[in-house]
Amino acid sequence: MPDSFEPAAEILLHGILERAFPAASVEVGRRDRPLWRRSFGALTYEPDAPQTTDDTIFDLASLTKAIATTTLVMRAVDDGALALESRLHQVLPEWRGADREAVTVRDLLAHSSGLPAYLPFFRDHTGRVEFEPAICQTPLEYPPRTQSIYSDLGFILLGFILEDAGSGGTRTIGRFDPAGTFASQFRRLAAYITAEPLAFNPPRQWRERTAPTEVDQWRGRLLTGEVHDENAWALGGAAGHAGLFGTAAAVGAFARAVLYTIAGQDVLARSATFREFVRRTDVPNSSRALGWDTMLPTSSCGSRMSATAIGHTGFTGTSLWIDWERDLYVVLLTNRVHPSREPNRLKAIRPAFHDAVVEEFGRG
């Protein structure tokens, strides 16, 4: 089995030279162990910037959706605290209207609820008390389940639903989180998965080894250890769509837990539940599973992974792809939005990198 993956490494080194990102950290592995872990570049483009190391922490952005929110929903389903077919108006009283009456929790996970992809609620709203009615009353862009539009808004609502499911009373995730808040639910799960840094609202002592993201015009500062996504920031840093920080090793530990769960061990959730979530939905022209994306030859995972591979990307320059038929996972973390989100040079690098990894892995 290869332990160097040099062709893949060369692609990332070239990406640094092209200023696609200043910092990158990767981990490739199998269910039983990591095979390759390496870090590239420096935390910023400044001449005296600290070098990226295996301990460098990244803003994981939308990997939050797969790692935290989707996993917590699975566990809530297993505990009987939540049902995929629950209609949103049953769990979110502000969700009202004939055009959205039939929308379910499953539809949010499949990005097929009709909600738009994104709206800048942070400009006028703060906290759940303002975000929840604003999202619930947002006009739908298309009839539910007729298509899939990737939506941060739907996953923000899932975070709220999880908070209620774990808040006590008749619906609790008792074996797993008696406290109930979304961040505390995930904190306990993360401690079960790994001792590596993986958390919302990271402590100040992590900042020296955290890769900065963007110089944010709205907040008027360079963001380091502070969530990049503005809506997540307005929600206090812990939201269903974004907010997680972690190392490549932490994401790799989660990926190994996924592989064990799919293989039949009830690690993250019941294996049967996990397998249901990672099947592609029947939404027309959609590659989405429930909370995960699936492999397309044109996607960020390249063209060589198995058709059943699952993955997710993050806006800050992160991704996780898991080819469970091959017993392979690939973590790629960068801060490609530093110092600015434009241009996005990482888009062409991601598939080439994954193709190189899969080709080298196949030689083992």
Protein backbone atom coordinates (compact mmCIF):
# COMPACT_ATOMS: atom_id res chain seq x y z
CA MET A 1 0.00 0.00 0.00
CA PRO A 2 1.50 3.40 -0.94
CA ASP A 3 2.48 5.71 1.90
CA SER A 4 3.70 8.70 -0.09
CA PHE A 5 1.07 9.50 -2.77
CA GLU A 6 3.63 11.74 -4.48
CA PRO A 7 1.58 12.52 -7.62
CA ALA A 8 -1.24 13.80 -5.41
CA ALA A 9 1.24 15.77 -3.32
CA GLU A 10 2.66 17.42 -6.43
CA ILE A 11 -0.81 18.63 -7.41
CA LEU A 12 -1.23 20.38 -4.06
CA LEU A 13 2.27 21.85 -4.14
CA HIS A 14 1.50 23.28 -7.57
CA GLY A 15 -1.75 24.66 -6.15
CA ILE A 16 0.22 26.58 -3.54
CA LEU A 17 2.50 27.99 -6.23
CA GLU A 18 -0.60 29.10 -8.15
CA ARG A 19 -1.90 30.75 -4.96
CA ALA A 20 -5.02 28.59 -4.97
CA PHE A 21 -4.58 28.37 -1.18
CA PRO A 22 -1.74 29.09 1.26
CA ALA A 23 -2.33 26.04 3.49
CA ALA A 24 -3.45 22.46 2.94
CA SER A 25 -3.63 19.36 5.09
CA VAL A 26 -4.64 15.90 3.88
CA GLU A 27 -5.32 12.45 5.24
CA VAL A 28 -5.98 9.32 3.21
CA GLY A 29 -6.90 6.08 4.91
CA ARG A 30 -8.85 2.89 5.26
CA ARG A 31 -11.31 1.72 7.86
CA ASP A 32 -8.58 0.42 10.16
CA ARG A 33 -5.97 3.17 9.88
CA PRO A 34 -4.65 6.28 8.11
CA LEU A 35 -2.33 5.57 5.18
CA TRP A 36 -1.01 9.05 4.39
CA ARG A 37 -1.11 12.32 6.23
CA ARG A 38 0.75 15.40 5.05
CA SER A 39 0.57 19.17 5.31
CA PHE A 40 1.57 21.81 2.78
CA GLY A 41 2.38 25.50 2.70
CA ALA A 42 1.94 28.13 5.40
CA LEU A 43 -1.10 29.51 7.17
CA THR A 44 -1.04 32.76 5.14
CA TYR A 45 0.95 34.28 2.29
CA GLU A 46 3.00 36.45 4.65
CA PRO A 47 6.78 35.70 4.53
CA ASP A 48 6.90 34.89 8.25
CA ALA A 49 3.67 32.89 8.40
CA PRO A 50 3.76 29.68 10.46
CA GLN A 51 4.09 26.50 8.44
CA THR A 52 1.07 24.26 8.09
CA THR A 53 1.38 21.12 10.23
CA ASP A 54 -0.69 18.05 10.96
CA ASP A 55 -2.03 19.97 13.98
CA THR A 56 -3.34 22.88 11.89
CA ILE A 57 -7.03 23.53 12.45
CA PHE A 58 -9.31 24.57 9.59
CA ASP A 59 -12.77 26.08 9.34
CA LEU A 60 -14.62 23.05 7.94
CA ALA A 61 -17.56 25.12 6.63
CA SER A 62 -20.24 22.89 5.06
CA LEU A 63 -18.56 19.68 6.13
CA THR A 64 -20.61 20.57 9.21
CA LYS A 65 -23.69 19.40 7.30
CA ALA A 66 -22.38 15.85 6.87
CA ILE A 67 -20.23 15.42 9.97
CA ALA A 68 -22.48 17.04 12.56
CA THR A 69 -26.03 17.69 11.40
CA THR A 70 -26.68 14.61 9.28
CA THR A 71 -25.09 12.29 11.85
CA LEU A 72 -27.12 13.82 14.66
CA VAL A 73 -30.30 13.42 12.62
CA MET A 74 -29.46 9.73 12.09
CA ARG A 75 -29.03 9.25 15.81
CA ALA A 76 -32.25 11.10 16.58
CA VAL A 77 -34.06 8.82 14.11
CA ASP A 78 -32.55 5.74 15.76
CA ASP A 79 -33.64 6.98 19.19
CA GLY A 80 -37.19 7.63 18.05
CA ALA A 81 -36.79 11.35 18.73
CA LEU A 82 -37.33 12.32 15.09
CA ALA A 83 -38.88 10.77 11.98
CA LEU A 84 -37.72 11.40 8.43
CA GLU A 85 -41.32 11.65 7.28
CA SER A 86 -42.28 14.22 9.94
CA ARG A 87 -43.79 17.24 8.22
CA LEU A 88 -42.04 20.47 9.03
CA HIS A 89 -45.17 22.19 10.27
CA GLN A 90 -45.31 19.50 12.99
CA VAL A 91 -41.86 20.41 14.32
CA LEU A 92 -41.55 24.07 13.28
CA PRO A 93 -44.77 25.98 14.02
CA GLU A 94 -43.72 28.92 11.81
CA TRP A 95 -43.64 26.64 8.74
CA ARG A 96 -47.09 27.41 7.32
CA GLY A 97 -48.69 27.53 3.89
CA ALA A 98 -50.38 25.25 1.39
CA ASP A 99 -47.33 25.28 -0.91
CA ARG A 100 -45.12 23.79 1.83
CA GLU A 101 -47.52 21.72 3.90
CA ALA A 102 -46.14 18.38 2.65
CA VAL A 103 -42.42 19.20 3.14
CA THR A 104 -40.67 16.75 5.47
CA VAL A 105 -37.43 16.38 7.37
CA ARG A 106 -36.30 14.04 4.59
CA ASP A 107 -36.77 16.85 2.07
CA LEU A 108 -34.46 19.15 4.03
CA LEU A 109 -31.77 16.46 4.07
CA ALA A 110 -32.18 15.89 0.32
CA HIS A 111 -32.06 19.65 -0.46
CA SER A 112 -35.44 19.27 -2.16
CA SER A 113 -37.69 21.34 0.13
CA GLY A 114 -38.15 24.23 -2.28
CA LEU A 115 -36.08 26.60 -0.16
CA PRO A 116 -33.54 28.81 -1.95
CA ALA A 117 -29.85 28.09 -1.60
CA TYR A 118 -28.92 31.10 0.48
CA LEU A 119 -30.09 34.45 1.78
CA PRO A 120 -27.99 36.94 3.78
CA PHE A 121 -30.14 36.90 6.91
CA PHE A 122 -27.14 37.97 9.00
CA ARG A 123 -27.60 41.54 7.77
CA ASP A 124 -30.89 41.95 9.62
CA HIS A 125 -31.30 38.96 11.95
CA THR A 126 -29.56 37.51 14.99
CA GLY A 127 -30.12 34.18 16.71
CA ARG A 128 -32.68 31.46 16.27
CA VAL A 129 -35.56 33.62 17.48
CA GLU A 130 -35.18 35.78 14.36
CA PHE A 131 -33.75 33.28 11.87
CA GLU A 132 -36.40 30.58 12.30
CA PRO A 133 -39.48 32.61 11.31
CA ALA A 134 -37.52 34.37 8.56
CA ILE A 135 -36.54 31.06 6.93
CA CYS A 136 -39.91 29.43 7.49
CA GLN A 137 -41.66 32.34 5.80
CA THR A 138 -39.23 32.58 2.86
CA PRO A 139 -41.04 31.97 -0.45
CA LEU A 140 -40.22 28.61 -2.01
CA GLU A 141 -38.29 28.71 -5.29
CA TYR A 142 -39.75 25.51 -6.77
CA PRO A 143 -42.35 22.84 -5.91
CA PRO A 144 -40.90 20.51 -3.25
CA ARG A 145 -39.32 17.27 -4.45
CA THR A 146 -39.33 18.33 -8.12
CA GLN A 147 -35.62 19.15 -8.03
CA SER A 148 -32.71 19.59 -5.66
CA ILE A 149 -31.12 22.96 -4.90
CA TYR A 150 -28.35 22.82 -2.34
CA SER A 151 -29.66 24.91 0.55
CA ASP A 152 -27.94 26.29 3.64
CA LEU A 153 -31.35 27.42 4.84
CA GLY A 154 -32.71 23.90 5.07
CA PHE A 155 -29.79 22.77 7.20
CA ILE A 156 -30.13 25.76 9.49
CA LEU A 157 -33.66 24.53 10.14
CA LEU A 158 -32.37 20.99 10.78
CA GLY A 159 -30.13 22.40 13.50
CA PHE A 160 -33.17 23.99 15.15
CA ILE A 161 -35.16 20.76 14.84
CA LEU A 162 -32.34 18.81 16.51
CA GLU A 163 -32.26 21.27 19.40
CA ASP A 164 -35.95 20.65 20.01
CA ALA A 165 -35.61 16.89 19.62
CA GLY A 166 -32.96 16.84 22.34
CA SER A 167 -34.47 19.39 24.69
CA GLY A 168 -36.19 17.03 27.07
CA GLY A 169 -39.78 16.04 27.65
CA THR A 170 -41.24 13.25 25.59
CA ARG A 171 -38.67 13.60 22.79
CA THR A 172 -35.07 13.21 23.94
CA ILE A 173 -31.91 11.74 22.56
CA GLY A 174 -31.48 10.24 25.99
CA ARG A 175 -28.64 7.78 25.48
CA PHE A 176 -26.72 10.41 23.66
CA ASP A 177 -27.48 13.98 24.71
CA PRO A 178 -29.67 14.94 27.61
CA ALA A 179 -28.63 18.61 27.35
CA GLY A 180 -30.27 19.25 24.02
CA THR A 181 -28.49 22.21 22.42
CA PHE A 182 -27.13 21.59 18.96
CA ALA A 183 -23.51 22.35 19.96
CA SER A 184 -23.68 20.19 23.08
CA GLN A 185 -25.19 17.32 21.11
CA PHE A 186 -22.24 17.36 18.76
CA ARG A 187 -19.66 17.94 21.52
CA ARG A 188 -20.50 14.63 23.10
CA LEU A 189 -20.47 12.83 19.75
CA ALA A 190 -17.11 14.35 18.80
CA ALA A 191 -15.55 13.20 22.08
CA TYR A 192 -16.75 9.69 21.27
CA ILE A 193 -15.23 9.78 17.78
CA THR A 194 -11.82 11.36 18.37
CA ALA A 195 -9.51 13.16 20.78
CA GLU A 196 -8.42 15.41 17.88
CA PRO A 197 -9.75 18.99 17.73
CA LEU A 198 -13.29 18.94 16.29
CA ALA A 199 -15.64 21.59 17.68
CA PHE A 200 -17.87 24.58 17.21
CA ASN A 201 -16.67 27.92 18.58
CA PRO A 202 -13.07 26.76 19.09
CA PRO A 203 -11.30 28.02 22.22
CA ARG A 204 -8.91 30.94 21.96
CA GLN A 205 -5.88 28.70 22.61
CA TRP A 206 -6.46 27.01 19.23
CA ARG A 207 -6.01 30.23 17.27
CA GLU A 208 -2.23 30.13 16.80
CA ARG A 209 -2.58 26.88 14.88
CA THR A 210 -5.77 27.78 13.01
CA ALA A 211 -5.60 28.64 9.32
CA PRO A 212 -7.09 32.11 8.74
CA THR A 213 -9.90 32.45 6.23
CA GLU A 214 -11.10 35.69 4.69
CA VAL A 215 -10.68 39.37 5.39
CA ASP A 216 -14.38 39.89 6.05
CA GLN A 217 -15.72 43.27 4.98
CA TRP A 218 -18.86 42.88 7.10
CA ARG A 219 -16.99 42.22 10.34
CA GLY A 220 -14.02 44.38 9.38
CA ARG A 221 -11.28 41.90 10.25
CA LEU A 222 -9.32 38.83 9.20
CA LEU A 223 -11.14 35.77 10.50
CA THR A 224 -9.02 33.34 12.49
CA GLY A 225 -10.77 30.78 14.65
CA GLU A 226 -14.05 32.59 13.98
CA VAL A 227 -16.60 31.02 11.67
CA HIS A 228 -16.33 32.29 8.10
CA ASP A 229 -20.00 31.86 7.20
CA GLU A 230 -21.86 35.03 8.10
CA ASN A 231 -25.20 33.37 8.85
CA ALA A 232 -23.50 30.88 11.17
CA TRP A 233 -21.76 33.81 12.87
CA ALA A 234 -25.11 35.54 13.44
CA LEU A 235 -26.38 32.29 14.97
CA GLY A 236 -23.58 32.29 17.54
CA GLY A 237 -21.04 30.19 15.62
CA ALA A 238 -22.84 26.84 15.86
CA ALA A 239 -25.41 26.14 13.16
CA GLY A 240 -26.74 23.22 11.18
CA HIS A 241 -25.04 24.32 7.98
CA ALA A 242 -21.60 25.56 9.13
CA GLY A 243 -19.42 26.29 12.13
CA LEU A 244 -17.26 23.23 12.75
CA PHE A 245 -13.48 23.53 13.07
CA GLY A 246 -11.05 20.63 13.05
CA THR A 247 -7.86 19.00 11.84
CA ALA A 248 -7.46 16.58 8.95
CA ALA A 249 -6.88 13.82 11.52
CA ALA A 250 -10.19 14.65 13.23
CA VAL A 251 -12.09 14.46 9.94
CA GLY A 252 -10.21 11.24 9.16
CA ALA A 253 -11.35 9.74 12.45
CA PHE A 254 -14.94 10.59 11.53
CA ALA A 255 -14.42 8.98 8.10
CA ARG A 256 -13.18 5.76 9.70
CA ALA A 257 -16.27 5.75 11.92
CA VAL A 258 -18.37 6.08 8.75
CA LEU A 259 -16.61 3.12 7.17
CA TYR A 260 -17.10 0.97 10.27
CA THR A 261 -20.78 1.94 10.40
CA ILE A 262 -21.43 1.15 6.74
CA ALA A 263 -19.59 -2.17 7.21
CA GLY A 264 -22.11 -3.22 9.84
CA GLN A 265 -20.93 -1.86 13.19
CA ASP A 266 -23.33 0.58 14.87
CA VAL A 267 -20.73 3.25 15.57
CA LEU A 268 -22.26 6.57 14.43
CA ALA A 269 -25.79 5.22 14.03
CA ARG A 270 -27.43 1.94 13.18
CA SER A 271 -25.77 0.55 10.10
CA ALA A 272 -29.13 0.16 8.33
CA THR A 273 -29.95 3.80 9.05
CA PHE A 274 -26.61 4.97 7.71
CA ARG A 275 -27.04 2.92 4.53
CA GLU A 276 -30.45 4.50 3.96
CA PHE A 277 -28.99 7.98 4.32
CA VAL A 278 -26.16 7.41 1.83
CA ARG A 279 -28.38 6.08 -0.97
CA ARG A 280 -29.05 8.56 -3.74
CA THR A 281 -32.57 9.94 -3.55
CA ASP A 282 -35.17 9.68 -6.29
CA VAL A 283 -35.40 13.47 -6.65
CA PRO A 284 -35.20 14.17 -10.41
CA ASN A 285 -31.73 15.01 -11.75
CA SER A 286 -30.16 15.02 -8.29
CA SER A 287 -26.97 13.37 -7.08
CA ARG A 288 -27.91 14.00 -3.44
CA ALA A 289 -28.36 11.38 -0.77
CA LEU A 290 -29.65 12.42 2.68
CA GLY A 291 -27.16 14.98 3.93
CA TRP A 292 -24.44 13.65 1.62
CA ASP A 293 -23.60 14.06 -2.02
CA THR A 294 -22.80 11.04 -4.19
CA MET A 295 -20.21 10.50 -6.86
CA LEU A 296 -20.56 12.03 -10.29
CA PRO A 297 -17.64 11.96 -12.75
CA THR A 298 -17.89 15.76 -12.92
CA SER A 299 -17.80 16.34 -9.16
CA SER A 300 -15.03 17.35 -6.76
CA CYS A 301 -14.10 13.70 -6.12
CA GLY A 302 -12.84 13.20 -9.68
CA SER A 303 -13.85 10.42 -12.03
CA ARG A 304 -12.28 7.31 -10.50
CA MET A 305 -14.17 6.67 -7.28
CA SER A 306 -16.89 4.02 -7.09
CA ALA A 307 -20.38 5.08 -8.14
CA THR A 308 -21.54 4.64 -4.53
CA ALA A 309 -18.92 6.99 -3.06
CA ILE A 310 -20.26 9.70 -0.75
CA GLY A 311 -18.81 13.07 0.12
CA HIS A 312 -19.21 16.73 0.85
CA THR A 313 -17.34 19.97 0.28
CA GLY A 314 -16.99 23.17 2.27
CA PHE A 315 -16.89 26.73 0.92
CA THR A 316 -13.64 27.55 2.73
CA GLY A 317 -11.81 24.91 0.70
CA THR A 318 -12.51 21.65 2.50
CA SER A 319 -13.77 18.26 1.38
CA LEU A 320 -14.31 14.69 2.53
CA TRP A 321 -14.93 11.81 0.14
CA ILE A 322 -15.51 8.21 1.22
CA ASP A 323 -15.37 5.35 -1.26
CA TRP A 324 -16.72 2.66 1.02
CA GLU A 325 -16.62 -0.06 -1.63
CA ARG A 326 -12.85 0.46 -1.86
CA ASP A 327 -12.50 1.01 1.91
CA LEU A 328 -10.95 4.41 1.19
CA TYR A 329 -11.43 7.92 2.52
CA VAL A 330 -9.81 11.18 1.40
CA VAL A 331 -9.72 14.33 3.53
CA LEU A 332 -8.57 17.58 1.90
CA LEU A 333 -8.56 20.74 4.01
CA THR A 334 -7.42 24.12 2.69
CA ASN A 335 -8.09 27.80 3.41
CA ARG A 336 -8.67 28.68 -0.24
CA VAL A 337 -10.75 31.76 0.78
CA HIS A 338 -7.67 33.47 2.22
CA PRO A 339 -7.40 36.37 1.85
CA SER A 340 -10.42 36.51 -0.49
CA ARG A 341 -12.98 34.01 -1.78
CA GLU A 342 -12.30 35.04 -5.38
CA PRO A 343 -10.94 33.62 -7.59
CA ASN A 344 -11.67 29.97 -6.79
CA ARG A 345 -8.64 28.16 -8.19
CA LEU A 346 -9.28 25.10 -6.03
CA LYS A 347 -12.20 23.97 -8.19
CA ALA A 348 -9.95 22.42 -10.87
CA ILE A 349 -7.44 21.06 -8.35
CA ARG A 350 -9.87 18.98 -6.30
CA PRO A 351 -10.82 16.38 -8.96
CA ALA A 352 -7.23 16.02 -10.17
CA PHE A 353 -6.06 15.47 -6.60
CA HIS A 354 -8.69 12.80 -5.92
CA ASP A 355 -8.00 11.02 -9.19
CA ALA A 356 -4.29 10.87 -8.29
CA VAL A 357 -5.09 9.49 -4.84
CA VAL A 358 -7.39 6.76 -6.18
CA GLU A 359 -4.88 5.77 -8.87
CA GLU A 360 -2.07 5.47 -6.31
CA PHE A 361 -4.32 3.63 -3.85
CA GLY A 362 -5.18 1.10 -6.55
CA ARG A 363 -1.51 0.21 -6.93
CA GLY A 364 -1.28 -0.94 -3.31
